Amino acid sequence: MGLVIMATLTIAGCTGAAPVTGPIDSPGVGKGWLQEQFQLGLPEATSDFERDVLTRASSTGAIAPGDYEEAVTRYLQCTSAAGYTIDTEKQANGIYRWLPQNIDDAHLQAYIDDTTACARGTTMIIEGLYKVQVANPDGLDQASAMARCLITYDVVDASYTSADFTKDFGENFAHAPYTVKDPNVIMCLTSLGFAVPE
């Protein structure tokens, strides 16, 4: 099984991942899967910092919150030096939401190129794996992981299923039993690689 990394580009309004329908109690990919992801990430690392973090995670079974924070700090220092202002919002589960400021269509491609370059060696691998570690350590399909997150944070009751989420997602949440302005809904969406609808 290949390395699983969720997209972490800081592009406002980017397209989110499409959910896969499955029962909420669908089994994950098995014990040890997450640690295997850390090991698979090592050959992809492009900096000593990434290698050190992933080596520790491969040994301990988890990326330390301090290592994630350091990756975020390094990324933001790089983007700031490149002339960009990216505000952050630390969500209830400890994962940051990126809020880039003043990016117009004329400069979007330059922004994407520059921030992608900044993510290499800092957040590109580490943040993706940290999100998986926090939001979906069992390797459930995304719709099941979203339903579980919404239930865990009391957005919906325990009867809500992955099929319900897939339906709500397909309808752009127009008839969902929650609003996408709810901070916990935003947290679940961004933590699992979905764009937050405008």
N, C-alpha and C. Protein backbone atom coordinates (compact mmCIF):
# COMPACT_ATOMS: atom_id res chain seq x y z
N MET A 1 0.85 -1.19 0.00
CA MET A 1 0.00 0.00 0.00
C MET A 1 0.89 1.24 0.00
N GLY A 2 0.57 2.20 -0.85
CA GLY A 2 1.39 3.39 -0.98
C GLY A 2 1.15 4.40 0.13
N LEU A 3 2.00 5.38 0.14
CA LEU A 3 1.90 6.46 1.12
C LEU A 3 0.63 7.26 0.89
N VAL A 4 -0.12 7.48 1.96
CA VAL A 4 -1.36 8.26 1.89
C VAL A 4 -1.10 9.62 2.49
N ILE A 5 -1.20 10.67 1.67
CA ILE A 5 -1.05 12.03 2.16
C ILE A 5 -2.19 12.85 1.62
N MET A 6 -2.94 13.51 2.52
CA MET A 6 -4.02 14.37 2.07
C MET A 6 -3.46 15.70 1.60
N ALA A 7 -4.14 16.30 0.63
CA ALA A 7 -3.70 17.58 0.12
C ALA A 7 -3.70 18.63 1.22
N THR A 8 -2.64 19.43 1.26
CA THR A 8 -2.55 20.45 2.30
C THR A 8 -2.23 21.82 1.73
N LEU A 9 -2.44 22.00 0.43
CA LEU A 9 -2.17 23.31 -0.15
C LEU A 9 -3.11 24.34 0.43
N THR A 10 -2.59 25.55 0.61
CA THR A 10 -3.37 26.59 1.27
C THR A 10 -4.10 27.46 0.24
N ILE A 11 -4.90 26.83 -0.59
CA ILE A 11 -5.61 27.55 -1.63
C ILE A 11 -7.06 27.70 -1.20
N ALA A 12 -7.49 28.92 -1.00
CA ALA A 12 -8.87 29.17 -0.59
C ALA A 12 -9.80 28.71 -1.69
N GLY A 13 -10.81 27.93 -1.31
CA GLY A 13 -11.82 27.51 -2.26
C GLY A 13 -11.39 26.39 -3.18
N CYS A 14 -10.31 25.68 -2.85
CA CYS A 14 -9.89 24.59 -3.72
C CYS A 14 -10.88 23.44 -3.62
N THR A 15 -10.88 22.58 -4.62
CA THR A 15 -11.81 21.47 -4.65
C THR A 15 -11.41 20.44 -3.62
N GLY A 16 -12.38 19.97 -2.85
CA GLY A 16 -12.09 18.96 -1.84
C GLY A 16 -12.13 17.57 -2.42
N ALA A 17 -11.72 16.61 -1.62
CA ALA A 17 -11.74 15.23 -2.06
C ALA A 17 -13.18 14.74 -2.10
N ALA A 18 -13.45 13.84 -3.02
CA ALA A 18 -14.79 13.29 -3.13
C ALA A 18 -14.96 12.17 -2.12
N PRO A 19 -16.10 12.14 -1.42
CA PRO A 19 -16.29 11.10 -0.42
C PRO A 19 -16.59 9.75 -1.06
N VAL A 20 -16.24 8.71 -0.36
CA VAL A 20 -16.53 7.35 -0.80
C VAL A 20 -17.59 6.80 0.14
N THR A 21 -18.66 6.27 -0.42
CA THR A 21 -19.73 5.76 0.42
C THR A 21 -19.33 4.44 1.03
N GLY A 22 -19.63 4.30 2.31
CA GLY A 22 -19.39 3.04 3.00
C GLY A 22 -20.07 3.10 4.34
N PRO A 23 -20.32 1.97 4.96
CA PRO A 23 -20.98 2.00 6.27
C PRO A 23 -20.10 2.67 7.30
N ILE A 24 -20.74 3.33 8.27
CA ILE A 24 -19.99 4.05 9.29
C ILE A 24 -19.08 3.12 10.08
N ASP A 25 -19.48 1.86 10.19
CA ASP A 25 -18.66 0.92 10.93
C ASP A 25 -17.75 0.10 10.01
N SER A 26 -17.50 0.61 8.80
CA SER A 26 -16.62 -0.12 7.89
C SER A 26 -15.24 -0.23 8.51
N PRO A 27 -14.62 -1.40 8.39
CA PRO A 27 -13.31 -1.57 9.03
C PRO A 27 -12.25 -0.72 8.37
N GLY A 28 -11.29 -0.28 9.14
CA GLY A 28 -10.16 0.44 8.59
C GLY A 28 -9.18 -0.53 7.97
N VAL A 29 -7.97 -0.08 7.79
CA VAL A 29 -6.99 -0.90 7.08
C VAL A 29 -6.11 -1.71 8.02
N GLY A 30 -6.38 -1.64 9.31
CA GLY A 30 -5.68 -2.53 10.23
C GLY A 30 -4.66 -1.85 11.10
N LYS A 31 -4.38 -2.51 12.20
CA LYS A 31 -3.41 -2.01 13.18
C LYS A 31 -2.04 -1.91 12.53
N GLY A 32 -1.34 -0.86 12.81
CA GLY A 32 0.00 -0.68 12.26
C GLY A 32 0.04 0.08 10.96
N TRP A 33 -1.14 0.35 10.38
CA TRP A 33 -1.19 1.04 9.09
C TRP A 33 -0.59 2.43 9.18
N LEU A 34 -0.93 3.16 10.24
CA LEU A 34 -0.45 4.53 10.37
C LEU A 34 1.07 4.57 10.52
N GLN A 35 1.60 3.69 11.34
CA GLN A 35 3.06 3.65 11.50
C GLN A 35 3.74 3.32 10.18
N GLU A 36 3.11 2.47 9.40
CA GLU A 36 3.63 2.14 8.07
C GLU A 36 3.67 3.39 7.18
N GLN A 37 2.67 4.27 7.32
CA GLN A 37 2.65 5.50 6.54
C GLN A 37 3.85 6.39 6.87
N PHE A 38 4.21 6.44 8.15
CA PHE A 38 5.38 7.24 8.54
C PHE A 38 6.64 6.67 7.90
N GLN A 39 6.74 5.36 7.87
CA GLN A 39 7.91 4.72 7.27
C GLN A 39 7.96 4.94 5.77
N LEU A 40 6.79 4.89 5.12
CA LEU A 40 6.73 5.12 3.68
C LEU A 40 7.06 6.58 3.34
N GLY A 41 6.79 7.48 4.27
CA GLY A 41 7.08 8.89 4.03
C GLY A 41 8.56 9.22 4.04
N LEU A 42 9.35 8.42 4.72
CA LEU A 42 10.78 8.73 4.87
C LEU A 42 11.51 8.91 3.53
N PRO A 43 11.35 8.00 2.56
CA PRO A 43 12.06 8.20 1.29
C PRO A 43 11.59 9.43 0.51
N GLU A 44 10.38 9.93 0.85
CA GLU A 44 9.83 11.11 0.17
C GLU A 44 10.30 12.41 0.81
N ALA A 45 10.91 12.33 1.99
CA ALA A 45 11.33 13.53 2.71
C ALA A 45 12.37 14.30 1.91
N THR A 46 12.27 15.64 1.96
CA THR A 46 13.20 16.48 1.20
C THR A 46 14.04 17.38 2.09
N SER A 47 13.93 17.19 3.41
CA SER A 47 14.74 17.98 4.34
C SER A 47 15.13 17.12 5.53
N ASP A 48 16.20 17.52 6.19
CA ASP A 48 16.61 16.82 7.40
C ASP A 48 15.51 16.90 8.46
N PHE A 49 14.83 18.04 8.52
CA PHE A 49 13.75 18.21 9.48
C PHE A 49 12.67 17.16 9.27
N GLU A 50 12.21 17.01 8.03
CA GLU A 50 11.19 15.99 7.73
C GLU A 50 11.69 14.60 8.09
N ARG A 51 12.94 14.30 7.71
CA ARG A 51 13.48 12.98 7.99
C ARG A 51 13.52 12.71 9.49
N ASP A 52 13.93 13.70 10.27
CA ASP A 52 14.00 13.54 11.73
C ASP A 52 12.61 13.28 12.31
N VAL A 53 11.62 14.06 11.87
CA VAL A 53 10.26 13.92 12.38
C VAL A 53 9.70 12.53 12.03
N LEU A 54 9.87 12.12 10.79
CA LEU A 54 9.32 10.84 10.35
C LEU A 54 10.06 9.66 10.96
N THR A 55 11.35 9.81 11.21
CA THR A 55 12.11 8.75 11.89
C THR A 55 11.57 8.56 13.31
N ARG A 56 11.35 9.67 14.01
CA ARG A 56 10.78 9.58 15.36
C ARG A 56 9.38 8.96 15.32
N ALA A 57 8.56 9.41 14.38
CA ALA A 57 7.19 8.90 14.28
C ALA A 57 7.18 7.41 13.93
N SER A 58 8.11 6.98 13.10
CA SER A 58 8.20 5.56 12.75
C SER A 58 8.51 4.71 13.97
N SER A 59 9.27 5.30 14.89
CA SER A 59 9.66 4.60 16.12
C SER A 59 8.55 4.63 17.17
N THR A 60 7.94 5.80 17.35
CA THR A 60 6.95 5.97 18.43
C THR A 60 5.53 5.64 18.01
N GLY A 61 5.26 5.68 16.70
CA GLY A 61 3.91 5.43 16.20
C GLY A 61 3.05 6.66 16.06
N ALA A 62 3.66 7.85 16.30
CA ALA A 62 2.88 9.08 16.19
C ALA A 62 3.81 10.27 15.92
N ILE A 63 3.30 11.23 15.15
CA ILE A 63 3.99 12.51 15.00
C ILE A 63 3.66 13.33 16.23
N ALA A 64 4.68 13.82 16.92
CA ALA A 64 4.46 14.62 18.12
C ALA A 64 3.82 15.96 17.75
N PRO A 65 2.88 16.44 18.56
CA PRO A 65 2.28 17.74 18.29
C PRO A 65 3.32 18.85 18.13
N GLY A 66 4.40 18.79 18.90
CA GLY A 66 5.45 19.79 18.79
C GLY A 66 6.13 19.77 17.43
N ASP A 67 6.26 18.59 16.84
CA ASP A 67 6.86 18.48 15.50
C ASP A 67 5.93 19.08 14.45
N TYR A 68 4.62 18.85 14.61
CA TYR A 68 3.65 19.46 13.70
C TYR A 68 3.70 20.98 13.82
N GLU A 69 3.75 21.49 15.06
CA GLU A 69 3.83 22.93 15.28
C GLU A 69 5.09 23.52 14.63
N GLU A 70 6.20 22.81 14.75
CA GLU A 70 7.45 23.29 14.16
C GLU A 70 7.35 23.32 12.64
N ALA A 71 6.71 22.32 12.04
CA ALA A 71 6.51 22.29 10.59
C ALA A 71 5.68 23.50 10.15
N VAL A 72 4.63 23.79 10.90
CA VAL A 72 3.77 24.95 10.59
C VAL A 72 4.58 26.24 10.69
N THR A 73 5.36 26.38 11.75
CA THR A 73 6.18 27.59 11.94
C THR A 73 7.14 27.78 10.79
N ARG A 74 7.81 26.72 10.38
CA ARG A 74 8.78 26.82 9.27
C ARG A 74 8.08 27.20 7.97
N TYR A 75 6.92 26.60 7.74
CA TYR A 75 6.16 26.91 6.53
C TYR A 75 5.74 28.38 6.51
N LEU A 76 5.21 28.87 7.61
CA LEU A 76 4.75 30.25 7.66
C LEU A 76 5.90 31.25 7.58
N GLN A 77 7.05 30.90 8.11
CA GLN A 77 8.22 31.77 7.97
C GLN A 77 8.61 31.89 6.49
N CYS A 78 8.55 30.77 5.79
CA CYS A 78 8.89 30.76 4.36
C CYS A 78 7.88 31.56 3.55
N THR A 79 6.59 31.34 3.80
CA THR A 79 5.57 32.07 3.02
C THR A 79 5.61 33.56 3.32
N SER A 80 5.90 33.91 4.57
CA SER A 80 6.03 35.32 4.93
C SER A 80 7.20 35.96 4.20
N ALA A 81 8.32 35.25 4.15
CA ALA A 81 9.51 35.75 3.45
C ALA A 81 9.23 35.91 1.95
N ALA A 82 8.30 35.08 1.42
CA ALA A 82 7.93 35.17 0.00
C ALA A 82 6.91 36.27 -0.25
N GLY A 83 6.47 36.94 0.82
CA GLY A 83 5.58 38.07 0.66
C GLY A 83 4.10 37.79 0.86
N TYR A 84 3.77 36.63 1.42
CA TYR A 84 2.36 36.27 1.59
C TYR A 84 1.94 36.35 3.05
N THR A 85 0.69 36.73 3.26
CA THR A 85 0.10 36.73 4.59
C THR A 85 -0.90 35.59 4.65
N ILE A 86 -0.60 34.62 5.50
CA ILE A 86 -1.51 33.49 5.70
C ILE A 86 -1.87 33.44 7.17
N ASP A 87 -3.10 33.80 7.47
CA ASP A 87 -3.57 33.70 8.84
C ASP A 87 -3.87 32.23 9.15
N THR A 88 -3.80 31.88 10.42
CA THR A 88 -4.10 30.51 10.82
C THR A 88 -5.15 30.50 11.90
N GLU A 89 -5.88 29.41 11.93
CA GLU A 89 -6.89 29.20 12.97
C GLU A 89 -6.68 27.80 13.51
N LYS A 90 -6.28 27.72 14.78
CA LYS A 90 -6.07 26.40 15.38
C LYS A 90 -7.42 25.86 15.83
N GLN A 91 -7.78 24.72 15.28
CA GLN A 91 -9.10 24.15 15.54
C GLN A 91 -9.07 23.27 16.80
N ALA A 92 -10.25 22.83 17.21
CA ALA A 92 -10.38 22.10 18.48
C ALA A 92 -9.54 20.82 18.53
N ASN A 93 -9.28 20.22 17.36
CA ASN A 93 -8.48 18.99 17.35
C ASN A 93 -6.99 19.26 17.19
N GLY A 94 -6.59 20.53 17.20
CA GLY A 94 -5.17 20.87 17.11
C GLY A 94 -4.65 21.08 15.71
N ILE A 95 -5.47 20.88 14.70
CA ILE A 95 -5.05 21.06 13.31
C ILE A 95 -5.34 22.49 12.87
N TYR A 96 -4.39 23.06 12.15
CA TYR A 96 -4.55 24.45 11.69
C TYR A 96 -5.37 24.51 10.41
N ARG A 97 -6.17 25.55 10.34
CA ARG A 97 -6.86 25.92 9.11
C ARG A 97 -6.13 27.12 8.54
N TRP A 98 -5.82 27.06 7.24
CA TRP A 98 -5.08 28.13 6.58
C TRP A 98 -6.04 29.15 6.00
N LEU A 99 -5.75 30.42 6.22
CA LEU A 99 -6.60 31.50 5.72
C LEU A 99 -5.73 32.53 4.99
N PRO A 100 -5.41 32.24 3.71
CA PRO A 100 -4.57 33.18 2.95
C PRO A 100 -5.30 34.49 2.70
N GLN A 101 -4.55 35.58 2.72
CA GLN A 101 -5.13 36.91 2.58
C GLN A 101 -4.71 37.56 1.25
N ASN A 102 -5.66 38.27 0.65
CA ASN A 102 -5.38 39.14 -0.50
C ASN A 102 -4.73 38.41 -1.68
N ILE A 103 -5.27 37.25 -2.04
CA ILE A 103 -4.78 36.53 -3.22
C ILE A 103 -5.82 36.68 -4.32
N ASP A 104 -5.48 37.44 -5.35
CA ASP A 104 -6.42 37.61 -6.45
C ASP A 104 -6.09 36.65 -7.58
N ASP A 105 -7.00 36.56 -8.55
CA ASP A 105 -6.83 35.60 -9.65
C ASP A 105 -5.55 35.82 -10.43
N ALA A 106 -5.14 37.07 -10.56
CA ALA A 106 -3.94 37.38 -11.35
C ALA A 106 -2.66 36.83 -10.71
N HIS A 107 -2.70 36.64 -9.40
CA HIS A 107 -1.50 36.18 -8.69
C HIS A 107 -1.66 34.77 -8.12
N LEU A 108 -2.76 34.11 -8.47
CA LEU A 108 -3.04 32.80 -7.88
C LEU A 108 -1.97 31.76 -8.22
N GLN A 109 -1.55 31.69 -9.49
CA GLN A 109 -0.58 30.67 -9.87
C GLN A 109 0.76 30.89 -9.17
N ALA A 110 1.17 32.16 -9.07
CA ALA A 110 2.43 32.45 -8.36
C ALA A 110 2.31 32.04 -6.89
N TYR A 111 1.15 32.31 -6.32
CA TYR A 111 0.90 31.92 -4.92
C TYR A 111 0.99 30.40 -4.76
N ILE A 112 0.35 29.68 -5.66
CA ILE A 112 0.39 28.21 -5.60
C ILE A 112 1.83 27.72 -5.70
N ASP A 113 2.56 28.23 -6.68
CA ASP A 113 3.95 27.80 -6.88
C ASP A 113 4.81 28.10 -5.66
N ASP A 114 4.69 29.32 -5.15
CA ASP A 114 5.54 29.74 -4.03
C ASP A 114 5.21 28.99 -2.74
N THR A 115 3.92 28.83 -2.47
CA THR A 115 3.55 28.15 -1.22
C THR A 115 3.81 26.65 -1.30
N THR A 116 3.72 26.09 -2.51
CA THR A 116 4.09 24.68 -2.67
C THR A 116 5.58 24.49 -2.41
N ALA A 117 6.38 25.42 -2.91
CA ALA A 117 7.83 25.36 -2.65
C ALA A 117 8.11 25.46 -1.16
N CYS A 118 7.36 26.31 -0.45
CA CYS A 118 7.53 26.46 1.00
C CYS A 118 7.09 25.21 1.76
N ALA A 119 6.08 24.52 1.23
CA ALA A 119 5.59 23.31 1.90
C ALA A 119 6.59 22.16 1.80
N ARG A 120 7.38 22.14 0.72
CA ARG A 120 8.38 21.07 0.58
C ARG A 120 9.39 21.16 1.71
N GLY A 121 9.54 20.08 2.42
CA GLY A 121 10.51 20.04 3.51
C GLY A 121 9.97 20.54 4.83
N THR A 122 8.74 21.08 4.83
CA THR A 122 8.15 21.58 6.09
C THR A 122 6.84 20.85 6.36
N THR A 123 5.76 21.30 5.72
CA THR A 123 4.43 20.73 6.02
C THR A 123 3.94 19.69 5.01
N MET A 124 4.53 19.61 3.84
CA MET A 124 3.93 18.82 2.76
C MET A 124 3.64 17.38 3.17
N ILE A 125 4.60 16.71 3.77
CA ILE A 125 4.39 15.33 4.21
C ILE A 125 3.88 15.30 5.64
N ILE A 126 4.48 16.11 6.50
CA ILE A 126 4.16 16.04 7.93
C ILE A 126 2.72 16.43 8.22
N GLU A 127 2.24 17.51 7.62
CA GLU A 127 0.87 17.92 7.92
C GLU A 127 -0.14 16.90 7.41
N GLY A 128 0.08 16.39 6.20
CA GLY A 128 -0.84 15.40 5.66
C GLY A 128 -0.95 14.18 6.56
N LEU A 129 0.20 13.70 7.05
CA LEU A 129 0.19 12.53 7.92
C LEU A 129 -0.35 12.86 9.30
N TYR A 130 -0.10 14.07 9.78
CA TYR A 130 -0.63 14.45 11.09
C TYR A 130 -2.16 14.54 11.04
N LYS A 131 -2.69 15.05 9.95
CA LYS A 131 -4.14 15.09 9.78
C LYS A 131 -4.73 13.68 9.81
N VAL A 132 -4.09 12.76 9.12
CA VAL A 132 -4.56 11.37 9.13
C VAL A 132 -4.48 10.82 10.55
N GLN A 133 -3.37 11.08 11.23
CA GLN A 133 -3.18 10.59 12.60
C GLN A 133 -4.29 11.08 13.53
N VAL A 134 -4.67 12.35 13.40
CA VAL A 134 -5.67 12.94 14.29
C VAL A 134 -7.09 12.58 13.85
N ALA A 135 -7.37 12.70 12.55
CA ALA A 135 -8.75 12.63 12.07
C ALA A 135 -9.17 11.26 11.56
N ASN A 136 -8.21 10.42 11.17
CA ASN A 136 -8.58 9.13 10.59
C ASN A 136 -7.48 8.09 10.78
N PRO A 137 -7.07 7.84 12.02
CA PRO A 137 -5.96 6.92 12.25
C PRO A 137 -6.27 5.47 11.88
N ASP A 138 -7.55 5.13 11.77
CA ASP A 138 -7.93 3.76 11.42
C ASP A 138 -7.99 3.53 9.92
N GLY A 139 -7.80 4.59 9.13
CA GLY A 139 -7.83 4.43 7.68
C GLY A 139 -9.21 4.12 7.12
N LEU A 140 -10.25 4.69 7.74
CA LEU A 140 -11.60 4.52 7.20
C LEU A 140 -11.72 5.28 5.87
N ASP A 141 -12.72 4.91 5.05
CA ASP A 141 -12.97 5.73 3.88
C ASP A 141 -13.40 7.12 4.37
N GLN A 142 -13.24 8.11 3.51
CA GLN A 142 -13.44 9.49 3.94
C GLN A 142 -14.85 9.79 4.43
N ALA A 143 -15.84 9.21 3.79
CA ALA A 143 -17.21 9.48 4.21
C ALA A 143 -17.47 8.92 5.60
N SER A 144 -16.95 7.73 5.88
CA SER A 144 -17.11 7.15 7.21
C SER A 144 -16.36 7.97 8.25
N ALA A 145 -15.15 8.43 7.89
CA ALA A 145 -14.37 9.25 8.82
C ALA A 145 -15.09 10.57 9.09
N MET A 146 -15.71 11.16 8.07
CA MET A 146 -16.46 12.41 8.26
C MET A 146 -17.66 12.19 9.17
N ALA A 147 -18.40 11.13 8.93
CA ALA A 147 -19.56 10.85 9.76
C ALA A 147 -19.13 10.65 11.21
N ARG A 148 -18.04 9.92 11.41
CA ARG A 148 -17.54 9.69 12.77
C ARG A 148 -17.13 11.00 13.43
N CYS A 149 -16.46 11.87 12.68
CA CYS A 149 -16.03 13.15 13.22
C CYS A 149 -17.23 14.00 13.62
N LEU A 150 -18.23 14.07 12.76
CA LEU A 150 -19.42 14.87 13.06
C LEU A 150 -20.17 14.34 14.29
N ILE A 151 -20.18 13.03 14.44
CA ILE A 151 -20.81 12.42 15.62
C ILE A 151 -19.97 12.72 16.87
N THR A 152 -18.66 12.54 16.75
CA THR A 152 -17.76 12.74 17.89
C THR A 152 -17.87 14.15 18.46
N TYR A 153 -18.01 15.14 17.58
CA TYR A 153 -18.08 16.53 18.03
C TYR A 153 -19.52 17.04 18.18
N ASP A 154 -20.45 16.09 18.32
CA ASP A 154 -21.86 16.41 18.62
C ASP A 154 -22.53 17.32 17.60
N VAL A 155 -22.09 17.24 16.36
CA VAL A 155 -22.75 17.99 15.29
C VAL A 155 -24.02 17.27 14.87
N VAL A 156 -23.96 15.94 14.85
CA VAL A 156 -25.11 15.09 14.49
C VAL A 156 -25.23 13.99 15.54
N ASP A 157 -26.36 13.28 15.52
CA ASP A 157 -26.50 12.17 16.47
C ASP A 157 -25.90 10.90 15.87
N ALA A 158 -25.88 9.86 16.67
CA ALA A 158 -25.18 8.63 16.30
C ALA A 158 -25.82 7.88 15.14
N SER A 159 -27.02 8.31 14.71
CA SER A 159 -27.66 7.64 13.58
C SER A 159 -27.13 8.12 12.23
N TYR A 160 -26.34 9.19 12.24
CA TYR A 160 -25.81 9.77 10.98
C TYR A 160 -24.78 8.80 10.39
N THR A 161 -24.89 8.54 9.09
CA THR A 161 -24.03 7.55 8.43
C THR A 161 -23.17 8.17 7.34
N SER A 162 -22.26 7.37 6.83
CA SER A 162 -21.43 7.82 5.71
C SER A 162 -22.28 8.11 4.48
N ALA A 163 -23.35 7.32 4.30
CA ALA A 163 -24.26 7.57 3.17
C ALA A 163 -24.95 8.92 3.34
N ASP A 164 -25.30 9.27 4.58
CA ASP A 164 -25.89 10.59 4.84
C ASP A 164 -24.91 11.69 4.46
N PHE A 165 -23.65 11.52 4.84
CA PHE A 165 -22.66 12.55 4.50
C PHE A 165 -22.48 12.65 2.99
N THR A 166 -22.40 11.52 2.32
CA THR A 166 -22.21 11.54 0.87
C THR A 166 -23.37 12.27 0.19
N LYS A 167 -24.58 12.04 0.67
CA LYS A 167 -25.76 12.75 0.13
C LYS A 167 -25.64 14.24 0.41
N ASP A 168 -25.32 14.61 1.64
CA ASP A 168 -25.20 16.02 2.00
C ASP A 168 -24.09 16.70 1.18
N PHE A 169 -22.99 16.03 1.02
CA PHE A 169 -21.86 16.56 0.25
C PHE A 169 -22.29 16.79 -1.20
N GLY A 170 -22.98 15.81 -1.78
CA GLY A 170 -23.42 15.90 -3.18
C GLY A 170 -24.40 17.04 -3.41
N GLU A 171 -25.13 17.42 -2.36
CA GLU A 171 -26.09 18.52 -2.46
C GLU A 171 -25.51 19.83 -1.94
N ASN A 172 -24.17 19.86 -1.80
CA ASN A 172 -23.47 21.04 -1.29
C ASN A 172 -24.03 21.48 0.06
N PHE A 173 -24.46 20.48 0.85
CA PHE A 173 -24.93 20.68 2.23
C PHE A 173 -26.21 21.52 2.33
N ALA A 174 -26.93 21.66 1.21
CA ALA A 174 -28.14 22.49 1.20
C ALA A 174 -29.21 21.97 2.15
N HIS A 175 -29.29 20.65 2.33
CA HIS A 175 -30.33 20.06 3.19
C HIS A 175 -29.72 19.32 4.38
N ALA A 176 -28.46 19.56 4.66
CA ALA A 176 -27.79 18.89 5.78
C ALA A 176 -28.40 19.34 7.11
N PRO A 177 -28.38 18.46 8.12
CA PRO A 177 -28.93 18.84 9.43
C PRO A 177 -27.94 19.66 10.25
N TYR A 178 -27.08 20.39 9.58
CA TYR A 178 -26.08 21.25 10.22
C TYR A 178 -25.67 22.30 9.21
N THR A 179 -25.01 23.33 9.68
CA THR A 179 -24.51 24.37 8.79
C THR A 179 -23.00 24.25 8.64
N VAL A 180 -22.51 24.52 7.44
CA VAL A 180 -21.07 24.44 7.22
C VAL A 180 -20.34 25.63 7.83
N LYS A 181 -21.06 26.52 8.47
CA LYS A 181 -20.42 27.62 9.21
C LYS A 181 -20.09 27.21 10.65
N ASP A 182 -20.60 26.06 11.06
CA ASP A 182 -20.30 25.52 12.39
C ASP A 182 -18.79 25.21 12.46
N PRO A 183 -18.07 25.76 13.46
CA PRO A 183 -16.62 25.52 13.55
C PRO A 183 -16.25 24.04 13.59
N ASN A 184 -17.09 23.21 14.20
CA ASN A 184 -16.78 21.78 14.24
C ASN A 184 -16.96 21.11 12.88
N VAL A 185 -17.91 21.59 12.09
CA VAL A 185 -18.07 21.07 10.73
C VAL A 185 -16.87 21.48 9.88
N ILE A 186 -16.47 22.74 9.99
CA ILE A 186 -15.29 23.22 9.27
C ILE A 186 -14.06 22.40 9.67
N MET A 187 -13.91 22.13 10.96
CA MET A 187 -12.78 21.36 11.45
C MET A 187 -12.78 19.95 10.84
N CYS A 188 -13.92 19.29 10.86
CA CYS A 188 -13.98 17.94 10.30
C CYS A 188 -13.66 17.95 8.81
N LEU A 189 -14.24 18.89 8.07
CA LEU A 189 -13.99 18.98 6.63
C LEU A 189 -12.52 19.22 6.33
N THR A 190 -11.92 20.22 6.95
CA THR A 190 -10.53 20.57 6.63
C THR A 190 -9.56 19.50 7.11
N SER A 191 -9.88 18.86 8.23
CA SER A 191 -8.99 17.83 8.75
C SER A 191 -8.97 16.59 7.87
N LEU A 192 -10.06 16.38 7.13
CA LEU A 192 -10.16 15.20 6.28
C LEU A 192 -9.98 15.52 4.80
N GLY A 193 -9.48 16.72 4.51
CA GLY A 193 -9.09 17.03 3.14
C GLY A 193 -10.18 17.59 2.25
N PHE A 194 -11.29 18.02 2.83
CA PHE A 194 -12.36 18.61 2.04
C PHE A 194 -12.25 20.14 2.07
N ALA A 195 -12.63 20.77 0.97
CA ALA A 195 -12.73 22.22 0.95
C ALA A 195 -13.99 22.64 1.69
N VAL A 196 -13.93 23.78 2.32
CA VAL A 196 -15.10 24.33 3.00
C VAL A 196 -15.89 25.15 2.00
N PRO A 197 -17.15 24.80 1.75
CA PRO A 197 -17.94 25.57 0.77
C PRO A 197 -18.04 27.03 1.16
N GLU A 198 -18.03 27.88 0.17
CA GLU A 198 -18.18 29.33 0.41
C GLU A 198 -19.61 29.65 0.80
